[in-house]
Amino acid sequence: MWQRIRQSPDWRYLAVIIPVMALLQAIGPEYFRYERDWLSSGQVWRIVSAHWVHVGWVHLLLNSLALAICVSLTAPGWSAWRWVTVTLCMALGISILMTLYSPEVHNFAGHSGILYGLYVLGGLGLYPRDRLIAVLVVAAIVIKVLMEQFSFYDFNTGNLIGARVVVDSHMYGLLMAIAIALVWSTYTMNHRPTQQSN
């Protein structure tokens, strides 16, 4: 089992990113969280770093567990380069969408927006291997985002982490995952080797 984990690029990514998040948390999330005035204050790093810090240690633990569950369920098998590219693109996209369309959000911290996107991308990648689990994973994320946006149900997770949950980050994570999936599918279709007939 441990040999398989060591050989998996997904688990190697987790083995690096979770300690990085813990280190940033120990330094202080106030230095890295999203602040609405990130552009005018010149603190541009916040639009990326906000997604790897948390409001508290319980928040960090919950998101770390959710990330491990995502990898266990979907096993995307991405290279380290793809993990970094996907998560950075989602971080930038979520923060920019937050700045443009969620003026009521003055600050936030947390990996959950990226997590929602990772569940969707992982589910889409899983579809050829296990259609049932893939459909359930993607459907669960879409349904939860819709319920959050239209206030069908209060999941009350804010009590666990000690802060209000910024549900817009979940929606933007979902939208970024869809955008990345579309770009990736277009790229792979355009670069698929053509078969030559005799």
N, C-alpha and C. Protein backbone atom coordinates (compact mmCIF):
# COMPACT_ATOMS: atom_id res chain seq x y z
N MET A 1 0.82 -1.21 0.00
CA MET A 1 0.00 0.00 0.00
C MET A 1 0.86 1.26 0.00
N TRP A 2 1.84 1.31 0.94
CA TRP A 2 2.68 2.50 1.02
C TRP A 2 3.53 2.67 -0.23
N GLN A 3 3.91 1.54 -0.84
CA GLN A 3 4.67 1.61 -2.09
C GLN A 3 3.82 2.26 -3.18
N ARG A 4 2.53 1.88 -3.24
CA ARG A 4 1.63 2.46 -4.24
C ARG A 4 1.43 3.95 -3.99
N ILE A 5 1.32 4.34 -2.73
CA ILE A 5 1.15 5.75 -2.40
C ILE A 5 2.39 6.55 -2.80
N ARG A 6 3.58 5.99 -2.52
CA ARG A 6 4.81 6.69 -2.87
C ARG A 6 4.96 6.85 -4.38
N GLN A 7 4.44 5.89 -5.14
CA GLN A 7 4.57 5.96 -6.59
C GLN A 7 3.51 6.82 -7.25
N SER A 8 2.46 7.17 -6.52
CA SER A 8 1.36 7.95 -7.09
C SER A 8 1.68 9.43 -7.09
N PRO A 9 1.63 10.11 -8.25
CA PRO A 9 1.87 11.55 -8.27
C PRO A 9 0.82 12.32 -7.47
N ASP A 10 -0.39 11.80 -7.41
CA ASP A 10 -1.45 12.47 -6.64
C ASP A 10 -1.09 12.51 -5.16
N TRP A 11 -0.67 11.38 -4.61
CA TRP A 11 -0.34 11.34 -3.19
C TRP A 11 0.95 12.07 -2.89
N ARG A 12 1.87 12.10 -3.86
CA ARG A 12 3.09 12.89 -3.66
C ARG A 12 2.74 14.37 -3.59
N TYR A 13 1.79 14.80 -4.41
CA TYR A 13 1.35 16.20 -4.36
C TYR A 13 0.77 16.51 -2.98
N LEU A 14 -0.09 15.62 -2.46
CA LEU A 14 -0.67 15.82 -1.14
C LEU A 14 0.41 15.87 -0.06
N ALA A 15 1.42 15.03 -0.21
CA ALA A 15 2.49 14.97 0.79
C ALA A 15 3.29 16.27 0.84
N VAL A 16 3.23 17.05 -0.23
CA VAL A 16 3.91 18.35 -0.26
C VAL A 16 2.96 19.47 0.14
N ILE A 17 1.76 19.49 -0.45
CA ILE A 17 0.89 20.66 -0.30
C ILE A 17 0.29 20.77 1.10
N ILE A 18 0.00 19.65 1.75
CA ILE A 18 -0.59 19.74 3.10
C ILE A 18 0.42 20.31 4.10
N PRO A 19 1.69 19.87 4.12
CA PRO A 19 2.66 20.54 4.99
C PRO A 19 2.87 22.02 4.64
N VAL A 20 2.81 22.36 3.35
CA VAL A 20 2.93 23.77 2.95
C VAL A 20 1.78 24.59 3.55
N MET A 21 0.56 24.05 3.47
CA MET A 21 -0.58 24.75 4.05
C MET A 21 -0.42 24.89 5.56
N ALA A 22 0.09 23.85 6.22
CA ALA A 22 0.30 23.91 7.67
C ALA A 22 1.36 24.96 8.02
N LEU A 23 2.41 25.06 7.20
CA LEU A 23 3.46 26.05 7.44
C LEU A 23 2.91 27.47 7.30
N LEU A 24 2.14 27.72 6.24
CA LEU A 24 1.55 29.05 6.06
C LEU A 24 0.59 29.38 7.19
N GLN A 25 -0.14 28.36 7.67
CA GLN A 25 -1.05 28.57 8.78
C GLN A 25 -0.28 28.96 10.05
N ALA A 26 0.86 28.30 10.26
CA ALA A 26 1.67 28.60 11.44
C ALA A 26 2.26 30.00 11.37
N ILE A 27 2.64 30.44 10.17
CA ILE A 27 3.19 31.79 10.00
C ILE A 27 2.12 32.84 10.31
N GLY A 28 0.90 32.58 9.82
CA GLY A 28 -0.20 33.50 10.09
C GLY A 28 -1.05 33.75 8.87
N PRO A 29 -2.31 33.30 8.87
CA PRO A 29 -3.17 33.48 7.70
C PRO A 29 -3.44 34.93 7.36
N GLU A 30 -3.30 35.84 8.33
CA GLU A 30 -3.57 37.26 8.05
C GLU A 30 -2.61 37.84 7.03
N TYR A 31 -1.45 37.19 6.85
CA TYR A 31 -0.47 37.68 5.87
C TYR A 31 -0.75 37.16 4.46
N PHE A 32 -1.62 36.16 4.35
CA PHE A 32 -1.81 35.48 3.06
C PHE A 32 -3.25 35.46 2.57
N ARG A 33 -4.23 35.72 3.44
CA ARG A 33 -5.63 35.61 3.05
C ARG A 33 -5.99 36.65 1.99
N TYR A 34 -7.08 36.39 1.30
CA TYR A 34 -7.61 37.33 0.31
C TYR A 34 -8.11 38.58 1.02
N GLU A 35 -7.71 39.73 0.50
CA GLU A 35 -8.24 41.02 0.94
C GLU A 35 -8.75 41.75 -0.30
N ARG A 36 -9.89 42.36 -0.17
CA ARG A 36 -10.54 42.94 -1.34
C ARG A 36 -9.68 44.02 -2.00
N ASP A 37 -8.84 44.70 -1.23
CA ASP A 37 -8.01 45.78 -1.78
C ASP A 37 -6.64 45.28 -2.24
N TRP A 38 -6.56 43.97 -2.60
CA TRP A 38 -5.27 43.39 -2.97
C TRP A 38 -4.58 44.13 -4.09
N LEU A 39 -5.34 44.69 -5.03
CA LEU A 39 -4.73 45.37 -6.16
C LEU A 39 -4.24 46.75 -5.77
N SER A 40 -5.10 47.52 -5.11
CA SER A 40 -4.71 48.89 -4.73
C SER A 40 -3.61 48.89 -3.68
N SER A 41 -3.56 47.87 -2.84
CA SER A 41 -2.52 47.80 -1.81
C SER A 41 -1.22 47.20 -2.33
N GLY A 42 -1.26 46.66 -3.55
CA GLY A 42 -0.07 46.05 -4.14
C GLY A 42 0.25 44.68 -3.60
N GLN A 43 -0.68 44.07 -2.86
CA GLN A 43 -0.45 42.74 -2.27
C GLN A 43 -1.04 41.66 -3.18
N VAL A 44 -0.49 41.59 -4.36
CA VAL A 44 -1.03 40.72 -5.41
C VAL A 44 -0.95 39.25 -5.04
N TRP A 45 0.03 38.88 -4.23
CA TRP A 45 0.19 37.46 -3.86
C TRP A 45 -1.05 36.89 -3.17
N ARG A 46 -1.86 37.76 -2.58
CA ARG A 46 -3.02 37.30 -1.81
C ARG A 46 -4.04 36.56 -2.68
N ILE A 47 -4.11 36.88 -3.98
CA ILE A 47 -5.11 36.21 -4.81
C ILE A 47 -4.74 34.74 -5.05
N VAL A 48 -3.50 34.39 -4.80
CA VAL A 48 -3.08 32.98 -4.89
C VAL A 48 -2.96 32.38 -3.50
N SER A 49 -2.24 33.05 -2.62
CA SER A 49 -1.95 32.48 -1.30
C SER A 49 -3.19 32.26 -0.46
N ALA A 50 -4.26 33.02 -0.70
CA ALA A 50 -5.50 32.89 0.09
C ALA A 50 -6.06 31.48 0.07
N HIS A 51 -5.78 30.76 -0.99
CA HIS A 51 -6.37 29.43 -1.16
C HIS A 51 -5.58 28.32 -0.45
N TRP A 52 -4.45 28.69 0.15
CA TRP A 52 -3.65 27.70 0.87
C TRP A 52 -3.51 28.04 2.35
N VAL A 53 -4.27 29.03 2.82
CA VAL A 53 -4.35 29.29 4.25
C VAL A 53 -5.81 29.14 4.68
N HIS A 54 -6.04 29.06 5.99
CA HIS A 54 -7.37 28.78 6.51
C HIS A 54 -7.67 29.66 7.71
N VAL A 55 -8.94 29.73 8.07
CA VAL A 55 -9.31 30.59 9.20
C VAL A 55 -8.86 29.99 10.53
N GLY A 56 -8.56 28.72 10.55
CA GLY A 56 -8.10 28.06 11.76
C GLY A 56 -7.62 26.65 11.46
N TRP A 57 -7.10 25.98 12.48
CA TRP A 57 -6.54 24.65 12.28
C TRP A 57 -7.61 23.60 11.97
N VAL A 58 -8.80 23.77 12.54
CA VAL A 58 -9.89 22.84 12.22
C VAL A 58 -10.26 22.96 10.75
N HIS A 59 -10.31 24.18 10.26
CA HIS A 59 -10.60 24.44 8.84
C HIS A 59 -9.55 23.76 7.96
N LEU A 60 -8.29 23.90 8.34
CA LEU A 60 -7.20 23.26 7.60
C LEU A 60 -7.35 21.74 7.60
N LEU A 61 -7.67 21.18 8.77
CA LEU A 61 -7.83 19.73 8.88
C LEU A 61 -8.97 19.23 8.00
N LEU A 62 -10.10 19.92 8.02
CA LEU A 62 -11.26 19.50 7.22
C LEU A 62 -10.94 19.54 5.73
N ASN A 63 -10.28 20.61 5.28
CA ASN A 63 -9.96 20.70 3.86
C ASN A 63 -8.89 19.70 3.45
N SER A 64 -7.95 19.41 4.35
CA SER A 64 -6.93 18.40 4.05
C SER A 64 -7.57 17.02 3.90
N LEU A 65 -8.51 16.70 4.78
CA LEU A 65 -9.23 15.43 4.68
C LEU A 65 -10.04 15.37 3.39
N ALA A 66 -10.70 16.47 3.05
CA ALA A 66 -11.49 16.51 1.82
C ALA A 66 -10.61 16.33 0.59
N LEU A 67 -9.41 16.89 0.62
CA LEU A 67 -8.47 16.72 -0.49
C LEU A 67 -8.02 15.26 -0.61
N ALA A 68 -7.75 14.63 0.53
CA ALA A 68 -7.35 13.22 0.52
C ALA A 68 -8.49 12.33 0.02
N ILE A 69 -9.72 12.65 0.40
CA ILE A 69 -10.88 11.88 -0.07
C ILE A 69 -11.04 12.05 -1.58
N CYS A 70 -10.84 13.27 -2.07
CA CYS A 70 -10.93 13.53 -3.51
C CYS A 70 -9.95 12.67 -4.28
N VAL A 71 -8.70 12.63 -3.81
CA VAL A 71 -7.68 11.83 -4.48
C VAL A 71 -8.01 10.34 -4.39
N SER A 72 -8.52 9.90 -3.24
CA SER A 72 -8.88 8.49 -3.08
C SER A 72 -10.01 8.09 -4.01
N LEU A 73 -11.01 8.96 -4.16
CA LEU A 73 -12.18 8.64 -4.99
C LEU A 73 -11.88 8.69 -6.48
N THR A 74 -11.17 9.74 -6.89
CA THR A 74 -11.05 9.98 -8.33
C THR A 74 -9.70 9.57 -8.92
N ALA A 75 -8.64 9.51 -8.09
CA ALA A 75 -7.30 9.11 -8.56
C ALA A 75 -6.97 9.69 -9.92
N PRO A 76 -6.86 11.03 -10.02
CA PRO A 76 -6.65 11.62 -11.35
C PRO A 76 -5.35 11.23 -12.03
N GLY A 77 -4.29 10.90 -11.26
CA GLY A 77 -3.03 10.48 -11.87
C GLY A 77 -2.31 11.59 -12.60
N TRP A 78 -2.50 12.83 -12.14
CA TRP A 78 -1.86 13.97 -12.79
C TRP A 78 -0.39 14.04 -12.43
N SER A 79 0.39 14.61 -13.33
CA SER A 79 1.79 14.90 -13.04
C SER A 79 1.85 16.07 -12.05
N ALA A 80 3.01 16.24 -11.43
CA ALA A 80 3.19 17.36 -10.50
C ALA A 80 2.95 18.69 -11.23
N TRP A 81 3.41 18.77 -12.48
CA TRP A 81 3.24 20.00 -13.26
C TRP A 81 1.76 20.30 -13.48
N ARG A 82 0.98 19.27 -13.77
CA ARG A 82 -0.45 19.49 -14.00
C ARG A 82 -1.18 19.87 -12.70
N TRP A 83 -0.80 19.24 -11.60
CA TRP A 83 -1.39 19.61 -10.31
C TRP A 83 -1.15 21.09 -10.02
N VAL A 84 0.08 21.54 -10.19
CA VAL A 84 0.42 22.93 -9.91
C VAL A 84 -0.31 23.86 -10.86
N THR A 85 -0.33 23.53 -12.15
CA THR A 85 -0.99 24.38 -13.14
C THR A 85 -2.49 24.51 -12.88
N VAL A 86 -3.14 23.37 -12.63
CA VAL A 86 -4.59 23.38 -12.40
C VAL A 86 -4.94 24.18 -11.15
N THR A 87 -4.23 23.92 -10.05
CA THR A 87 -4.58 24.61 -8.80
C THR A 87 -4.27 26.10 -8.86
N LEU A 88 -3.18 26.47 -9.52
CA LEU A 88 -2.87 27.90 -9.66
C LEU A 88 -3.91 28.61 -10.54
N CYS A 89 -4.29 27.98 -11.64
CA CYS A 89 -5.32 28.57 -12.50
C CYS A 89 -6.64 28.75 -11.75
N MET A 90 -7.00 27.75 -10.96
CA MET A 90 -8.24 27.86 -10.19
C MET A 90 -8.14 28.95 -9.13
N ALA A 91 -6.99 29.04 -8.46
CA ALA A 91 -6.81 30.07 -7.43
C ALA A 91 -6.96 31.46 -8.05
N LEU A 92 -6.28 31.69 -9.15
CA LEU A 92 -6.36 32.99 -9.82
C LEU A 92 -7.78 33.29 -10.28
N GLY A 93 -8.41 32.31 -10.90
CA GLY A 93 -9.76 32.50 -11.42
C GLY A 93 -10.77 32.79 -10.33
N ILE A 94 -10.71 32.01 -9.24
CA ILE A 94 -11.65 32.21 -8.13
C ILE A 94 -11.49 33.59 -7.53
N SER A 95 -10.25 34.01 -7.28
CA SER A 95 -10.01 35.32 -6.66
C SER A 95 -10.44 36.46 -7.57
N ILE A 96 -10.17 36.34 -8.85
CA ILE A 96 -10.58 37.40 -9.79
C ILE A 96 -12.10 37.47 -9.89
N LEU A 97 -12.76 36.32 -9.98
CA LEU A 97 -14.22 36.30 -10.00
C LEU A 97 -14.81 36.86 -8.70
N MET A 98 -14.15 36.56 -7.58
CA MET A 98 -14.58 37.10 -6.30
C MET A 98 -14.48 38.63 -6.30
N THR A 99 -13.40 39.13 -6.83
CA THR A 99 -13.19 40.58 -6.88
C THR A 99 -14.23 41.26 -7.78
N LEU A 100 -14.55 40.63 -8.89
CA LEU A 100 -15.46 41.23 -9.87
C LEU A 100 -16.93 41.10 -9.47
N TYR A 101 -17.31 39.96 -8.90
CA TYR A 101 -18.74 39.67 -8.76
C TYR A 101 -19.22 39.45 -7.32
N SER A 102 -18.32 39.52 -6.34
CA SER A 102 -18.75 39.35 -4.94
C SER A 102 -18.21 40.50 -4.10
N PRO A 103 -18.73 41.72 -4.32
CA PRO A 103 -18.21 42.89 -3.60
C PRO A 103 -18.42 42.84 -2.10
N GLU A 104 -19.35 42.00 -1.65
CA GLU A 104 -19.62 41.91 -0.21
C GLU A 104 -18.55 41.12 0.53
N VAL A 105 -17.71 40.40 -0.20
CA VAL A 105 -16.64 39.60 0.43
C VAL A 105 -15.39 40.46 0.56
N HIS A 106 -15.04 40.80 1.78
CA HIS A 106 -13.87 41.66 2.02
C HIS A 106 -12.61 40.85 2.27
N ASN A 107 -12.75 39.66 2.82
CA ASN A 107 -11.59 38.79 2.97
C ASN A 107 -12.07 37.34 3.09
N PHE A 108 -11.20 36.44 2.72
CA PHE A 108 -11.50 35.02 2.90
C PHE A 108 -10.20 34.22 2.84
N ALA A 109 -10.27 33.02 3.38
CA ALA A 109 -9.14 32.10 3.33
C ALA A 109 -9.70 30.69 3.26
N GLY A 110 -9.03 29.84 2.51
CA GLY A 110 -9.47 28.45 2.47
C GLY A 110 -9.26 27.80 1.11
N HIS A 111 -9.13 26.49 1.15
CA HIS A 111 -8.85 25.68 -0.05
C HIS A 111 -10.13 25.14 -0.69
N SER A 112 -11.30 25.43 -0.09
CA SER A 112 -12.51 24.74 -0.52
C SER A 112 -12.95 25.10 -1.94
N GLY A 113 -12.71 26.34 -2.38
CA GLY A 113 -13.06 26.68 -3.76
C GLY A 113 -12.30 25.81 -4.75
N ILE A 114 -11.00 25.66 -4.51
CA ILE A 114 -10.18 24.78 -5.34
C ILE A 114 -10.64 23.34 -5.20
N LEU A 115 -10.98 22.94 -3.98
CA LEU A 115 -11.44 21.57 -3.74
C LEU A 115 -12.67 21.23 -4.59
N TYR A 116 -13.63 22.14 -4.63
CA TYR A 116 -14.82 21.88 -5.43
C TYR A 116 -14.44 21.68 -6.89
N GLY A 117 -13.53 22.49 -7.38
CA GLY A 117 -13.07 22.33 -8.75
C GLY A 117 -12.34 21.02 -8.96
N LEU A 118 -11.53 20.62 -7.98
CA LEU A 118 -10.78 19.36 -8.11
C LEU A 118 -11.71 18.16 -8.12
N TYR A 119 -12.77 18.20 -7.32
CA TYR A 119 -13.74 17.10 -7.33
C TYR A 119 -14.39 16.99 -8.71
N VAL A 120 -14.72 18.12 -9.31
CA VAL A 120 -15.35 18.09 -10.63
C VAL A 120 -14.38 17.58 -11.69
N LEU A 121 -13.16 18.13 -11.71
CA LEU A 121 -12.18 17.68 -12.69
C LEU A 121 -11.79 16.22 -12.48
N GLY A 122 -11.64 15.83 -11.21
CA GLY A 122 -11.34 14.43 -10.91
C GLY A 122 -12.47 13.51 -11.34
N GLY A 123 -13.71 13.95 -11.10
CA GLY A 123 -14.87 13.16 -11.51
C GLY A 123 -14.96 13.01 -13.02
N LEU A 124 -14.70 14.10 -13.74
CA LEU A 124 -14.73 14.03 -15.21
C LEU A 124 -13.65 13.09 -15.73
N GLY A 125 -12.47 13.13 -15.10
CA GLY A 125 -11.39 12.24 -15.52
C GLY A 125 -11.67 10.78 -15.17
N LEU A 126 -12.45 10.57 -14.12
CA LEU A 126 -12.79 9.22 -13.69
C LEU A 126 -13.85 8.57 -14.58
N TYR A 127 -14.61 9.38 -15.31
CA TYR A 127 -15.76 8.88 -16.06
C TYR A 127 -15.46 7.67 -16.96
N PRO A 128 -14.38 7.67 -17.72
CA PRO A 128 -14.11 6.49 -18.56
C PRO A 128 -13.81 5.22 -17.76
N ARG A 129 -13.37 5.36 -16.50
CA ARG A 129 -13.00 4.20 -15.68
C ARG A 129 -14.13 3.72 -14.78
N ASP A 130 -14.92 4.66 -14.27
CA ASP A 130 -16.00 4.29 -13.35
C ASP A 130 -17.11 5.34 -13.47
N ARG A 131 -18.03 5.09 -14.37
CA ARG A 131 -19.04 6.09 -14.69
C ARG A 131 -19.94 6.43 -13.52
N LEU A 132 -20.31 5.41 -12.74
CA LEU A 132 -21.24 5.64 -11.64
C LEU A 132 -20.64 6.58 -10.60
N ILE A 133 -19.44 6.28 -10.13
CA ILE A 133 -18.79 7.13 -9.12
C ILE A 133 -18.54 8.52 -9.68
N ALA A 134 -18.12 8.60 -10.94
CA ALA A 134 -17.86 9.89 -11.57
C ALA A 134 -19.11 10.76 -11.59
N VAL A 135 -20.23 10.18 -12.01
CA VAL A 135 -21.48 10.93 -12.08
C VAL A 135 -21.93 11.36 -10.68
N LEU A 136 -21.79 10.47 -9.70
CA LEU A 136 -22.19 10.80 -8.33
C LEU A 136 -21.34 11.94 -7.76
N VAL A 137 -20.04 11.90 -8.02
CA VAL A 137 -19.14 12.94 -7.50
C VAL A 137 -19.48 14.30 -8.10
N VAL A 138 -19.59 14.35 -9.43
CA VAL A 138 -19.88 15.64 -10.09
C VAL A 138 -21.27 16.14 -9.73
N ALA A 139 -22.24 15.24 -9.71
CA ALA A 139 -23.61 15.63 -9.37
C ALA A 139 -23.69 16.17 -7.95
N ALA A 140 -22.98 15.55 -7.01
CA ALA A 140 -23.00 16.00 -5.62
C ALA A 140 -22.46 17.42 -5.49
N ILE A 141 -21.39 17.71 -6.21
CA ILE A 141 -20.81 19.06 -6.16
C ILE A 141 -21.76 20.08 -6.77
N VAL A 142 -22.31 19.77 -7.94
CA VAL A 142 -23.22 20.71 -8.60
C VAL A 142 -24.45 20.96 -7.74
N ILE A 143 -25.03 19.92 -7.19
CA ILE A 143 -26.23 20.06 -6.35
C ILE A 143 -25.92 20.89 -5.11
N LYS A 144 -24.79 20.62 -4.47
CA LYS A 144 -24.44 21.37 -3.26
C LYS A 144 -24.23 22.85 -3.57
N VAL A 145 -23.56 23.15 -4.68
CA VAL A 145 -23.35 24.55 -5.06
C VAL A 145 -24.69 25.24 -5.32
N LEU A 146 -25.59 24.58 -6.02
CA LEU A 146 -26.91 25.16 -6.29
C LEU A 146 -27.68 25.39 -4.99
N MET A 147 -27.62 24.42 -4.09
CA MET A 147 -28.31 24.57 -2.80
C MET A 147 -27.75 25.73 -2.00
N GLU A 148 -26.43 25.90 -2.04
CA GLU A 148 -25.80 27.01 -1.33
C GLU A 148 -26.20 28.36 -1.94
N GLN A 149 -26.21 28.43 -3.27
CA GLN A 149 -26.49 29.69 -3.94
C GLN A 149 -27.94 30.12 -3.77
N PHE A 150 -28.85 29.15 -3.75
CA PHE A 150 -30.27 29.49 -3.66
C PHE A 150 -30.84 29.26 -2.25
N SER A 151 -29.94 29.03 -1.29
CA SER A 151 -30.32 28.91 0.12
C SER A 151 -31.40 27.86 0.36
N PHE A 152 -31.31 26.73 -0.37
CA PHE A 152 -32.26 25.64 -0.15
C PHE A 152 -32.03 24.98 1.21
N TYR A 153 -30.76 25.00 1.64
CA TYR A 153 -30.43 24.30 2.88
C TYR A 153 -29.19 24.93 3.48
N ASP A 154 -29.18 25.11 4.78
CA ASP A 154 -28.02 25.66 5.48
C ASP A 154 -27.17 24.50 6.01
N PHE A 155 -26.01 24.29 5.39
CA PHE A 155 -25.15 23.19 5.81
C PHE A 155 -24.45 23.47 7.14
N ASN A 156 -24.44 24.73 7.56
CA ASN A 156 -23.99 25.12 8.90
C ASN A 156 -22.55 24.71 9.19
N THR A 157 -21.73 24.61 8.16
CA THR A 157 -20.33 24.24 8.39
C THR A 157 -19.53 25.39 9.00
N GLY A 158 -20.09 26.60 8.96
CA GLY A 158 -19.42 27.73 9.57
C GLY A 158 -19.18 27.53 11.05
N ASN A 159 -20.07 26.80 11.72
CA ASN A 159 -19.89 26.52 13.15
C ASN A 159 -18.66 25.66 13.41
N LEU A 160 -18.35 24.78 12.45
CA LEU A 160 -17.18 23.91 12.62
C LEU A 160 -15.87 24.68 12.50
N ILE A 161 -15.83 25.62 11.57
CA ILE A 161 -14.57 26.32 11.31
C ILE A 161 -14.47 27.65 12.04
N GLY A 162 -15.58 28.11 12.63
CA GLY A 162 -15.56 29.34 13.40
C GLY A 162 -15.60 30.60 12.55
N ALA A 163 -16.17 30.51 11.36
CA ALA A 163 -16.27 31.67 10.47
C ALA A 163 -17.37 31.42 9.45
N ARG A 164 -17.85 32.50 8.84
CA ARG A 164 -18.87 32.36 7.80
C ARG A 164 -18.24 31.73 6.56
N VAL A 165 -18.93 30.75 6.00
CA VAL A 165 -18.45 30.09 4.79
C VAL A 165 -18.74 30.98 3.58
N VAL A 166 -17.71 31.25 2.79
CA VAL A 166 -17.87 32.06 1.58
C VAL A 166 -18.27 31.11 0.45
N VAL A 167 -19.58 30.91 0.30
CA VAL A 167 -20.06 29.90 -0.64
C VAL A 167 -19.79 30.30 -2.09
N ASP A 168 -19.59 31.60 -2.35
CA ASP A 168 -19.28 32.01 -3.71
C ASP A 168 -17.98 31.39 -4.20
N SER A 169 -17.05 31.14 -3.29
CA SER A 169 -15.79 30.50 -3.71
C SER A 169 -16.04 29.10 -4.25
N HIS A 170 -17.05 28.42 -3.70
CA HIS A 170 -17.41 27.09 -4.19
C HIS A 170 -17.96 27.17 -5.62
N MET A 171 -18.84 28.16 -5.84
CA MET A 171 -19.41 28.33 -7.17
C MET A 171 -18.33 28.69 -8.19
N TYR A 172 -17.41 29.58 -7.80
CA TYR A 172 -16.35 29.98 -8.72
C TYR A 172 -15.38 28.82 -8.98
N GLY A 173 -15.17 27.98 -7.98
CA GLY A 173 -14.35 26.79 -8.19
C GLY A 173 -14.98 25.85 -9.20
N LEU A 174 -16.30 25.69 -9.10
CA LEU A 174 -17.04 24.86 -10.07
C LEU A 174 -16.92 25.44 -11.47
N LEU A 175 -17.12 26.75 -11.60
CA LEU A 175 -17.03 27.41 -12.91
C LEU A 175 -15.62 27.30 -13.50
N MET A 176 -14.61 27.46 -12.66
CA MET A 176 -13.23 27.35 -13.15
C MET A 176 -12.93 25.93 -13.60
N ALA A 177 -13.47 24.94 -12.90
CA ALA A 177 -13.26 23.54 -13.31
C ALA A 177 -13.89 23.28 -14.68
N ILE A 178 -15.08 23.82 -14.89
CA ILE A 178 -15.73 23.66 -16.20
C ILE A 178 -14.89 24.31 -17.29
N ALA A 179 -14.38 25.52 -17.01
CA ALA A 179 -13.56 26.23 -18.00
C ALA A 179 -12.28 25.46 -18.30
N ILE A 180 -11.62 24.95 -17.27
CA ILE A 180 -10.39 24.17 -17.46
C ILE A 180 -10.67 22.90 -18.24
N ALA A 181 -11.78 22.22 -17.92
CA ALA A 181 -12.14 20.99 -18.64
C ALA A 181 -12.38 21.27 -20.11
N LEU A 182 -13.06 22.38 -20.42
CA LEU A 182 -13.32 22.74 -21.81
C LEU A 182 -12.03 23.06 -22.56
N VAL A 183 -11.15 23.81 -21.92
CA VAL A 183 -9.87 24.15 -22.55
C VAL A 183 -9.05 22.89 -22.78
N TRP A 184 -9.01 22.01 -21.77
CA TRP A 184 -8.22 20.78 -21.88
C TRP A 184 -8.76 19.86 -22.97
N SER A 185 -10.09 19.72 -23.03
CA SER A 185 -10.67 18.84 -24.05
C SER A 185 -10.45 19.39 -25.44
N THR A 186 -10.52 20.72 -25.59
CA THR A 186 -10.25 21.35 -26.89
C THR A 186 -8.81 21.14 -27.30
N TYR A 187 -7.90 21.29 -26.33
CA TYR A 187 -6.48 21.11 -26.62
C TYR A 187 -6.19 19.67 -27.04
N THR A 188 -6.72 18.70 -26.29
CA THR A 188 -6.43 17.30 -26.62
C THR A 188 -7.05 16.89 -27.95
N MET A 189 -8.24 17.45 -28.27
CA MET A 189 -8.86 17.14 -29.56
C MET A 189 -8.03 17.69 -30.71
N ASN A 190 -7.50 18.89 -30.53
CA ASN A 190 -6.72 19.52 -31.60
C ASN A 190 -5.33 18.91 -31.76
N HIS A 191 -4.85 18.23 -30.72
CA HIS A 191 -3.51 17.64 -30.78
C HIS A 191 -3.55 16.11 -30.81
N ARG A 192 -4.72 15.57 -31.13
CA ARG A 192 -4.84 14.12 -31.25
C ARG A 192 -4.15 13.69 -32.54
N PRO A 193 -3.32 12.64 -32.48
CA PRO A 193 -2.64 12.21 -33.72
C PRO A 193 -3.64 11.71 -34.74
N THR A 194 -3.45 12.12 -35.98
CA THR A 194 -4.36 11.70 -37.05
C THR A 194 -3.89 10.37 -37.63
N GLN A 195 -4.85 9.53 -37.98
CA GLN A 195 -4.51 8.25 -38.57
C GLN A 195 -4.45 8.40 -40.09
N GLN A 196 -3.41 7.86 -40.66
CA GLN A 196 -3.25 7.92 -42.11
C GLN A 196 -3.70 6.61 -42.72
N SER A 197 -4.47 6.73 -43.79
CA SER A 197 -4.94 5.51 -44.48
C SER A 197 -3.97 5.15 -45.59
N ASN A 198 -3.90 3.86 -45.89
CA ASN A 198 -3.00 3.39 -46.94
C ASN A 198 -3.63 3.62 -48.32
